[in-house]
PDB file of N, CA and C in Angstrom:
ATOM      1  N   MET A   1     -23.125  12.245 181.969  1.00  0.00           N
ATOM      2  CA  MET A   1     -23.093  11.857 180.581  1.00  0.00           C
ATOM      3  C   MET A   1     -22.795  10.368 180.417  1.00  0.00           C
ATOM      4  N   ARG A   2     -22.412   9.722 181.475  1.00  0.00           N
ATOM      5  CA  ARG A   2     -22.093   8.301 181.394  1.00  0.00           C
ATOM      6  C   ARG A   2     -23.311   7.435 181.081  1.00  0.00           C
ATOM      7  N   ASP A   3     -24.506   7.909 181.372  1.00  0.00           N
ATOM      8  CA  ASP A   3     -25.697   7.091 181.189  1.00  0.00           C
ATOM      9  C   ASP A   3     -26.345   7.281 179.819  1.00  0.00           C
ATOM     10  N   MET A   4     -25.563   7.693 178.827  1.00  0.00           N
ATOM     11  CA  MET A   4     -26.112   7.884 177.484  1.00  0.00           C
ATOM     12  C   MET A   4     -26.401   6.546 176.828  1.00  0.00           C
ATOM     13  N   ASP A   5     -27.455   6.504 176.042  1.00  0.00           N
ATOM     14  CA  ASP A   5     -27.737   5.297 175.289  1.00  0.00           C
ATOM     15  C   ASP A   5     -26.919   5.308 174.001  1.00  0.00           C
ATOM     16  N   SER A   6     -26.961   4.204 173.252  1.00  0.00           N
ATOM     17  CA  SER A   6     -26.130   4.086 172.062  1.00  0.00           C
ATOM     18  C   SER A   6     -26.532   5.087 170.983  1.00  0.00           C
ATOM     19  N   GLY A   7     -27.819   5.443 170.901  1.00  0.00           N
ATOM     20  CA  GLY A   7     -28.262   6.431 169.926  1.00  0.00           C
ATOM     21  C   GLY A   7     -27.677   7.795 170.194  1.00  0.00           C
ATOM     22  N   THR A   8     -27.612   8.163 171.453  1.00  0.00           N
ATOM     23  CA  THR A   8     -27.042   9.448 171.824  1.00  0.00           C
ATOM     24  C   THR A   8     -25.543   9.452 171.572  1.00  0.00           C
ATOM     25  N   ARG A   9     -24.892   8.359 171.836  1.00  0.00           N
ATOM     26  CA  ARG A   9     -23.458   8.256 171.544  1.00  0.00           C
ATOM     27  C   ARG A   9     -23.209   8.375 170.050  1.00  0.00           C
ATOM     28  N   SER A  10     -24.101   7.818 169.260  1.00  0.00           N
ATOM     29  CA  SER A  10     -23.968   7.940 167.803  1.00  0.00           C
ATOM     30  C   SER A  10     -24.094   9.400 167.387  1.00  0.00           C
ATOM     31  N   GLN A  11     -25.030  10.120 167.991  1.00  0.00           N
ATOM     32  CA  GLN A  11     -25.176  11.540 167.691  1.00  0.00           C
ATOM     33  C   GLN A  11     -23.912  12.303 168.067  1.00  0.00           C
ATOM     34  N   LEU A  12     -23.337  11.962 169.202  1.00  0.00           N
ATOM     35  CA  LEU A  12     -22.116  12.615 169.652  1.00  0.00           C
ATOM     36  C   LEU A  12     -20.976  12.339 168.674  1.00  0.00           C
ATOM     37  N   ARG A  13     -20.882  11.103 168.184  1.00  0.00           N
ATOM     38  CA  ARG A  13     -19.855  10.758 167.188  1.00  0.00           C
ATOM     39  C   ARG A  13     -20.083  11.537 165.893  1.00  0.00           C
ATOM     40  N   ARG A  14     -21.318  11.656 165.456  1.00  0.00           N
ATOM     41  CA  ARG A  14     -21.613  12.413 164.238  1.00  0.00           C
ATOM     42  C   ARG A  14     -21.208  13.878 164.403  1.00  0.00           C
ATOM     43  N   LEU A  15     -21.487  14.434 165.566  1.00  0.00           N
ATOM     44  CA  LEU A  15     -21.073  15.813 165.818  1.00  0.00           C
ATOM     45  C   LEU A  15     -19.554  15.937 165.814  1.00  0.00           C
ATOM     46  N   TYR A  16     -18.889  14.956 166.384  1.00  0.00           N
ATOM     47  CA  TYR A  16     -17.426  14.984 166.388  1.00  0.00           C
ATOM     48  C   TYR A  16     -16.875  14.918 164.968  1.00  0.00           C
ATOM     49  N   ASN A  17     -17.459  14.081 164.135  1.00  0.00           N
ATOM     50  CA  ASN A  17     -17.018  14.012 162.741  1.00  0.00           C
ATOM     51  C   ASN A  17     -17.248  15.343 162.033  1.00  0.00           C
ATOM     52  N   ALA A  18     -18.344  16.012 162.352  1.00  0.00           N
ATOM     53  CA  ALA A  18     -18.614  17.333 161.771  1.00  0.00           C
ATOM     54  C   ALA A  18     -17.584  18.356 162.261  1.00  0.00           C
ATOM     55  N   VAL A  19     -17.172  18.252 163.519  1.00  0.00           N
ATOM     56  CA  VAL A  19     -16.143  19.143 164.060  1.00  0.00           C
ATOM     57  C   VAL A  19     -14.834  18.924 163.308  1.00  0.00           C
ATOM     58  N   ARG A  20     -14.479  17.681 163.084  1.00  0.00           N
ATOM     59  CA  ARG A  20     -13.244  17.374 162.350  1.00  0.00           C
ATOM     60  C   ARG A  20     -13.294  17.930 160.928  1.00  0.00           C
ATOM     61  N   ARG A  21     -14.442  17.753 160.261  1.00  0.00           N
ATOM     62  CA  ARG A  21     -14.578  18.282 158.893  1.00  0.00           C
ATOM     63  C   ARG A  21     -14.478  19.810 158.891  1.00  0.00           C
ATOM     64  N   ALA A  22     -15.118  20.449 159.866  1.00  0.00           N
ATOM     65  CA  ALA A  22     -15.086  21.911 159.940  1.00  0.00           C
ATOM     66  C   ALA A  22     -13.667  22.413 160.203  1.00  0.00           C
ATOM     67  N   THR A  23     -12.905  21.687 160.997  1.00  0.00           N
ATOM     68  CA  THR A  23     -11.531  22.079 161.287  1.00  0.00           C
ATOM     69  C   THR A  23     -10.668  22.000 160.033  1.00  0.00           C
ATOM     70  N   ARG A  24     -10.955  21.025 159.181  1.00  0.00           N
ATOM     71  CA  ARG A  24     -10.172  20.851 157.955  1.00  0.00           C
ATOM     72  C   ARG A  24     -10.650  21.731 156.802  1.00  0.00           C
ATOM     73  N   ALA A  25     -11.728  22.448 156.982  1.00  0.00           N
ATOM     74  CA  ALA A  25     -12.265  23.302 155.915  1.00  0.00           C
ATOM     75  C   ALA A  25     -11.270  24.419 155.595  1.00  0.00           C
ATOM     76  N   PRO A  26     -11.319  24.928 154.368  1.00  0.00           N
ATOM     77  CA  PRO A  26     -10.455  26.072 154.033  1.00  0.00           C
ATOM     78  C   PRO A  26     -10.707  27.230 154.998  1.00  0.00           C
ATOM     79  N   GLU A  27      -9.678  28.005 155.224  1.00  0.00           N
ATOM     80  CA  GLU A  27      -9.763  29.069 156.222  1.00  0.00           C
ATOM     81  C   GLU A  27     -10.897  30.055 155.950  1.00  0.00           C
ATOM     82  N   THR A  28     -11.205  30.279 154.696  1.00  0.00           N
ATOM     83  CA  THR A  28     -12.266  31.225 154.354  1.00  0.00           C
ATOM     84  C   THR A  28     -13.653  30.691 154.698  1.00  0.00           C
ATOM     85  N   GLU A  29     -13.804  29.383 154.801  1.00  0.00           N
ATOM     86  CA  GLU A  29     -15.102  28.768 155.079  1.00  0.00           C
ATOM     87  C   GLU A  29     -15.219  28.217 156.493  1.00  0.00           C
ATOM     88  N   ARG A  30     -14.134  28.235 157.226  1.00  0.00           N
ATOM     89  CA  ARG A  30     -14.104  27.588 158.543  1.00  0.00           C
ATOM     90  C   ARG A  30     -15.115  28.176 159.515  1.00  0.00           C
ATOM     91  N   GLN A  31     -15.203  29.496 159.574  1.00  0.00           N
ATOM     92  CA  GLN A  31     -16.137  30.115 160.514  1.00  0.00           C
ATOM     93  C   GLN A  31     -17.572  29.718 160.173  1.00  0.00           C
ATOM     94  N   HIS A  32     -17.912  29.724 158.902  1.00  0.00           N
ATOM     95  CA  HIS A  32     -19.264  29.327 158.493  1.00  0.00           C
ATOM     96  C   HIS A  32     -19.544  27.876 158.897  1.00  0.00           C
ATOM     97  N   GLU A  33     -18.584  27.000 158.708  1.00  0.00           N
ATOM     98  CA  GLU A  33     -18.754  25.591 159.082  1.00  0.00           C
ATOM     99  C   GLU A  33     -19.019  25.455 160.581  1.00  0.00           C
ATOM    100  N   PHE A  34     -18.308  26.229 161.394  1.00  0.00           N
ATOM    101  CA  PHE A  34     -18.496  26.145 162.838  1.00  0.00           C
ATOM    102  C   PHE A  34     -19.811  26.780 163.279  1.00  0.00           C
ATOM    103  N   VAL A  35     -20.264  27.794 162.579  1.00  0.00           N
ATOM    104  CA  VAL A  35     -21.576  28.375 162.896  1.00  0.00           C
ATOM    105  C   VAL A  35     -22.662  27.338 162.624  1.00  0.00           C
ATOM    106  N   MET A  36     -22.560  26.642 161.503  1.00  0.00           N
ATOM    107  CA  MET A  36     -23.537  25.602 161.181  1.00  0.00           C
ATOM    108  C   MET A  36     -23.439  24.443 162.173  1.00  0.00           C
ATOM    109  N   LEU A  37     -22.241  24.152 162.613  1.00  0.00           N
ATOM    110  CA  LEU A  37     -22.036  23.105 163.609  1.00  0.00           C
ATOM    111  C   LEU A  37     -22.715  23.481 164.921  1.00  0.00           C
ATOM    112  N   ARG A  38     -22.665  24.752 165.262  1.00  0.00           N
ATOM    113  CA  ARG A  38     -23.325  25.211 166.493  1.00  0.00           C
ATOM    114  C   ARG A  38     -24.823  24.963 166.429  1.00  0.00           C
ATOM    115  N   ALA A  39     -25.404  25.164 165.256  1.00  0.00           N
ATOM    116  CA  ALA A  39     -26.836  24.895 165.088  1.00  0.00           C
ATOM    117  C   ALA A  39     -27.123  23.408 165.259  1.00  0.00           C
ATOM    118  N   ARG A  40     -26.283  22.558 164.694  1.00  0.00           N
ATOM    119  CA  ARG A  40     -26.459  21.111 164.846  1.00  0.00           C
ATOM    120  C   ARG A  40     -26.315  20.687 166.303  1.00  0.00           C
ATOM    121  N   LEU A  41     -25.343  21.287 166.984  1.00  0.00           N
ATOM    122  CA  LEU A  41     -25.131  20.965 168.391  1.00  0.00           C
ATOM    123  C   LEU A  41     -26.334  21.385 169.225  1.00  0.00           C
ATOM    124  N   ALA A  42     -26.858  22.560 168.970  1.00  0.00           N
ATOM    125  CA  ALA A  42     -28.037  23.035 169.708  1.00  0.00           C
ATOM    126  C   ALA A  42     -29.226  22.104 169.484  1.00  0.00           C
ATOM    127  N   TYR A  43     -29.412  21.666 168.252  1.00  0.00           N
ATOM    128  CA  TYR A  43     -30.503  20.741 167.944  1.00  0.00           C
ATOM    129  C   TYR A  43     -30.325  19.418 168.686  1.00  0.00           C
ATOM    130  N   THR A  44     -29.115  18.881 168.670  1.00  0.00           N
ATOM    131  CA  THR A  44     -28.850  17.604 169.342  1.00  0.00           C
ATOM    132  C   THR A  44     -29.062  17.726 170.848  1.00  0.00           C
ATOM    133  N   ILE A  45     -28.633  18.826 171.428  1.00  0.00           N
ATOM    134  CA  ILE A  45     -28.821  19.050 172.864  1.00  0.00           C
ATOM    135  C   ILE A  45     -30.308  19.074 173.197  1.00  0.00           C
ATOM    136  N   ALA A  46     -31.080  19.794 172.406  1.00  0.00           N
ATOM    137  CA  ALA A  46     -32.519  19.899 172.665  1.00  0.00           C
ATOM    138  C   ALA A  46     -33.227  18.576 172.410  1.00  0.00           C
ATOM    139  N   ARG A  47     -32.880  17.900 171.356  1.00  0.00           N
ATOM    140  CA  ARG A  47     -33.551  16.656 170.967  1.00  0.00           C
ATOM    141  C   ARG A  47     -33.318  15.540 171.971  1.00  0.00           C
ATOM    142  N   HIS A  48     -32.090  15.422 172.453  1.00  0.00           N
ATOM    143  CA  HIS A  48     -31.749  14.318 173.348  1.00  0.00           C
ATOM    144  C   HIS A  48     -31.669  14.741 174.814  1.00  0.00           C
ATOM    145  N   GLY A  49     -31.959  15.995 175.095  1.00  0.00           N
ATOM    146  CA  GLY A  49     -31.944  16.458 176.482  1.00  0.00           C
ATOM    147  C   GLY A  49     -30.564  16.409 177.110  1.00  0.00           C
ATOM    148  N   LEU A  50     -29.546  16.727 176.353  1.00  0.00           N
ATOM    149  CA  LEU A  50     -28.170  16.672 176.845  1.00  0.00           C
ATOM    150  C   LEU A  50     -27.751  18.022 177.418  1.00  0.00           C
ATOM    151  N   ARG A  51     -28.401  18.429 178.470  1.00  0.00           N
ATOM    152  CA  ARG A  51     -28.114  19.726 179.071  1.00  0.00           C
ATOM    153  C   ARG A  51     -26.670  19.820 179.559  1.00  0.00           C
ATOM    154  N   SER A  52     -26.007  18.693 179.752  1.00  0.00           N
ATOM    155  CA  SER A  52     -24.614  18.727 180.187  1.00  0.00           C
ATOM    156  C   SER A  52     -23.701  19.279 179.094  1.00  0.00           C
ATOM    157  N   LEU A  53     -24.193  19.353 177.847  1.00  0.00           N
ATOM    158  CA  LEU A  53     -23.394  19.897 176.746  1.00  0.00           C
ATOM    159  C   LEU A  53     -23.669  21.380 176.492  1.00  0.00           C
ATOM    160  N   ASP A  54     -24.480  22.012 177.326  1.00  0.00           N
ATOM    161  CA  ASP A  54     -24.751  23.438 177.165  1.00  0.00           C
ATOM    162  C   ASP A  54     -23.474  24.269 177.245  1.00  0.00           C
ATOM    163  N   GLN A  55     -22.584  23.916 178.148  1.00  0.00           N
ATOM    164  CA  GLN A  55     -21.320  24.645 178.285  1.00  0.00           C
ATOM    165  C   GLN A  55     -20.487  24.529 177.013  1.00  0.00           C
ATOM    166  N   LEU A  56     -20.546  23.361 176.394  1.00  0.00           N
ATOM    167  CA  LEU A  56     -19.820  23.146 175.150  1.00  0.00           C
ATOM    168  C   LEU A  56     -20.376  24.042 174.046  1.00  0.00           C
ATOM    169  N   GLU A  57     -21.677  24.207 174.033  1.00  0.00           N
ATOM    170  CA  GLU A  57     -22.299  25.087 173.042  1.00  0.00           C
ATOM    171  C   GLU A  57     -21.864  26.538 173.258  1.00  0.00           C
ATOM    172  N   ARG A  58     -21.792  26.962 174.503  1.00  0.00           N
ATOM    173  CA  ARG A  58     -21.343  28.329 174.794  1.00  0.00           C
ATOM    174  C   ARG A  58     -19.889  28.535 174.389  1.00  0.00           C
ATOM    175  N   LEU A  59     -19.082  27.520 174.634  1.00  0.00           N
ATOM    176  CA  LEU A  59     -17.680  27.585 174.233  1.00  0.00           C
ATOM    177  C   LEU A  59     -17.557  27.679 172.718  1.00  0.00           C
ATOM    178  N   LEU A  60     -18.361  26.923 172.004  1.00  0.00           N
ATOM    179  CA  LEU A  60     -18.350  26.969 170.551  1.00  0.00           C
ATOM    180  C   LEU A  60     -18.731  28.362 170.053  1.00  0.00           C
ATOM    181  N   LEU A  61     -19.664  29.003 170.711  1.00  0.00           N
ATOM    182  CA  LEU A  61     -20.048  30.365 170.348  1.00  0.00           C
ATOM    183  C   LEU A  61     -18.863  31.315 170.500  1.00  0.00           C
ATOM    184  N   GLN A  62     -18.137  31.200 171.595  1.00  0.00           N
ATOM    185  CA  GLN A  62     -16.973  32.056 171.821  1.00  0.00           C
ATOM    186  C   GLN A  62     -15.891  31.811 170.775  1.00  0.00           C
ATOM    187  N   VAL A  63     -15.648  30.549 170.465  1.00  0.00           N
ATOM    188  CA  VAL A  63     -14.628  30.205 169.478  1.00  0.00           C
ATOM    189  C   VAL A  63     -15.008  30.759 168.116  1.00  0.00           C
ATOM    190  N   THR A  64     -16.269  30.650 167.757  1.00  0.00           N
ATOM    191  CA  THR A  64     -16.729  31.129 166.456  1.00  0.00           C
ATOM    192  C   THR A  64     -16.614  32.647 166.371  1.00  0.00           C
ATOM    193  N   ARG A  65     -16.915  33.331 167.443  1.00  0.00           N
ATOM    194  CA  ARG A  65     -16.811  34.800 167.437  1.00  0.00           C
ATOM    195  C   ARG A  65     -15.377  35.270 167.262  1.00  0.00           C
ATOM    196  N   LYS A  66     -14.415  34.570 167.880  1.00  0.00           N
ATOM    197  CA  LYS A  66     -13.005  34.957 167.768  1.00  0.00           C
ATOM    198  C   LYS A  66     -12.435  34.609 166.401  1.00  0.00           C
ATOM    199  N   ASN A  67     -12.929  33.531 165.780  1.00  0.00           N
ATOM    200  CA  ASN A  67     -12.488  33.092 164.461  1.00  0.00           C
ATOM    201  C   ASN A  67     -10.972  32.906 164.419  1.00  0.00           C
ATOM    202  N   ASP A  68     -10.460  32.133 165.365  1.00  0.00           N
ATOM    203  CA  ASP A  68      -9.033  31.866 165.482  1.00  0.00           C
ATOM    204  C   ASP A  68      -8.772  30.394 165.179  1.00  0.00           C
ATOM    205  N   ALA A  69      -7.845  30.098 164.288  1.00  0.00           N
ATOM    206  CA  ALA A  69      -7.560  28.718 163.886  1.00  0.00           C
ATOM    207  C   ALA A  69      -7.155  27.868 165.090  1.00  0.00           C
ATOM    208  N   ARG A  70      -6.360  28.423 165.979  1.00  0.00           N
ATOM    209  CA  ARG A  70      -5.935  27.671 167.165  1.00  0.00           C
ATOM    210  C   ARG A  70      -7.130  27.350 168.072  1.00  0.00           C
ATOM    211  N   GLY A  71      -8.063  28.273 168.170  1.00  0.00           N
ATOM    212  CA  GLY A  71      -9.264  28.045 168.971  1.00  0.00           C
ATOM    213  C   GLY A  71     -10.102  26.903 168.415  1.00  0.00           C
ATOM    214  N   TYR A  72     -10.204  26.831 167.091  1.00  0.00           N
ATOM    215  CA  TYR A  72     -10.957  25.751 166.461  1.00  0.00           C
ATOM    216  C   TYR A  72     -10.310  24.397 166.752  1.00  0.00           C
ATOM    217  N   GLU A  73      -8.987  24.367 166.686  1.00  0.00           N
ATOM    218  CA  GLU A  73      -8.294  23.104 166.947  1.00  0.00           C
ATOM    219  C   GLU A  73      -8.398  22.698 168.412  1.00  0.00           C
ATOM    220  N   ARG A  74      -8.356  23.660 169.298  1.00  0.00           N
ATOM    221  CA  ARG A  74      -8.529  23.350 170.728  1.00  0.00           C
ATOM    222  C   ARG A  74      -9.940  22.838 171.013  1.00  0.00           C
ATOM    223  N   PHE A  75     -10.929  23.439 170.342  1.00  0.00           N
ATOM    224  CA  PHE A  75     -12.302  22.964 170.496  1.00  0.00           C
ATOM    225  C   PHE A  75     -12.409  21.519 170.003  1.00  0.00           C
ATOM    226  N   ARG A  76     -11.781  21.227 168.858  1.00  0.00           N
ATOM    227  CA  ARG A  76     -11.786  19.865 168.332  1.00  0.00           C
ATOM    228  C   ARG A  76     -11.159  18.895 169.341  1.00  0.00           C
ATOM    229  N   ASP A  77     -10.043  19.273 169.942  1.00  0.00           N
ATOM    230  CA  ASP A  77      -9.379  18.422 170.928  1.00  0.00           C
ATOM    231  C   ASP A  77     -10.274  18.169 172.142  1.00  0.00           C
ATOM    232  N   LEU A  78     -10.951  19.210 172.604  1.00  0.00           N
ATOM    233  CA  LEU A  78     -11.867  19.062 173.737  1.00  0.00           C
ATOM    234  C   LEU A  78     -13.008  18.119 173.385  1.00  0.00           C
ATOM    235  N   PHE A  79     -13.578  18.298 172.191  1.00  0.00           N
ATOM    236  CA  PHE A  79     -14.684  17.453 171.764  1.00  0.00           C
ATOM    237  C   PHE A  79     -14.220  16.006 171.628  1.00  0.00           C
ATOM    238  N   GLU A  80     -13.009  15.816 171.134  1.00  0.00           N
ATOM    239  CA  GLU A  80     -12.446  14.470 171.018  1.00  0.00           C
ATOM    240  C   GLU A  80     -12.332  13.811 172.389  1.00  0.00           C
ATOM    241  N   ALA A  81     -11.918  14.576 173.388  1.00  0.00           N
ATOM    242  CA  ALA A  81     -11.811  14.049 174.748  1.00  0.00           C
ATOM    243  C   ALA A  81     -13.177  13.657 175.297  1.00  0.00           C
ATOM    244  N   ILE A  82     -14.196  14.440 175.001  1.00  0.00           N
ATOM    245  CA  ILE A  82     -15.554  14.131 175.457  1.00  0.00           C
ATOM    246  C   ILE A  82     -16.051  12.840 174.834  1.00  0.00           C
ATOM    247  N   VAL A  83     -15.820  12.690 173.535  1.00  0.00           N
ATOM    248  CA  VAL A  83     -16.231  11.479 172.845  1.00  0.00           C
ATOM    249  C   VAL A  83     -15.493  10.257 173.399  1.00  0.00           C
ATOM    250  N   ALA A  84     -14.189  10.406 173.621  1.00  0.00           N
ATOM    251  CA  ALA A  84     -13.401   9.295 174.155  1.00  0.00           C
ATOM    252  C   ALA A  84     -13.878   8.907 175.557  1.00  0.00           C
ATOM    253  N   TYR A  85     -14.242   9.885 176.363  1.00  0.00           N
ATOM    254  CA  TYR A  85     -14.724   9.625 177.715  1.00  0.00           C
ATOM    255  C   TYR A  85     -16.013   8.818 177.688  1.00  0.00           C
ATOM    256  N   ASN A  86     -16.837   9.063 176.680  1.00  0.00           N
ATOM    257  CA  ASN A  86     -18.130   8.402 176.607  1.00  0.00           C
ATOM    258  C   ASN A  86     -18.112   7.087 175.856  1.00  0.00           C
ATOM    259  N   GLU A  87     -16.972   6.669 175.385  1.00  0.00           N
ATOM    260  CA  GLU A  87     -16.900   5.378 174.667  1.00  0.00           C
ATOM    261  C   GLU A  87     -16.897   4.216 175.606  1.00  0.00           C
TER     262      GLU A  87
END
C-alpha cells in the first residue's frame, strides 16, 4: 500500500471521513451508515485496484453484522491507523 498515488490516498481519506461520520451517527442509524460505507469501500477497492483492502472490507462486514458500538469504534481506530501509515 506504500506505492499509492495521491488520488488513491485522497480516496482513502474520504473513506476515513465517512467512517468517522458513521461512527458519530445516532445509534438507530449507525448500522445503515456502515452498510453504505461498505458499498463505498467495495467501489473504491474495485476502482483503484486496492486488493490489499479486501480484508478490511471483510472485517467491515463482520462488524456490521454484529451491530456493536464498540466494534464500530474499533473499526474506526483500525482505519485511522491505516490512513496514518499511508501519509
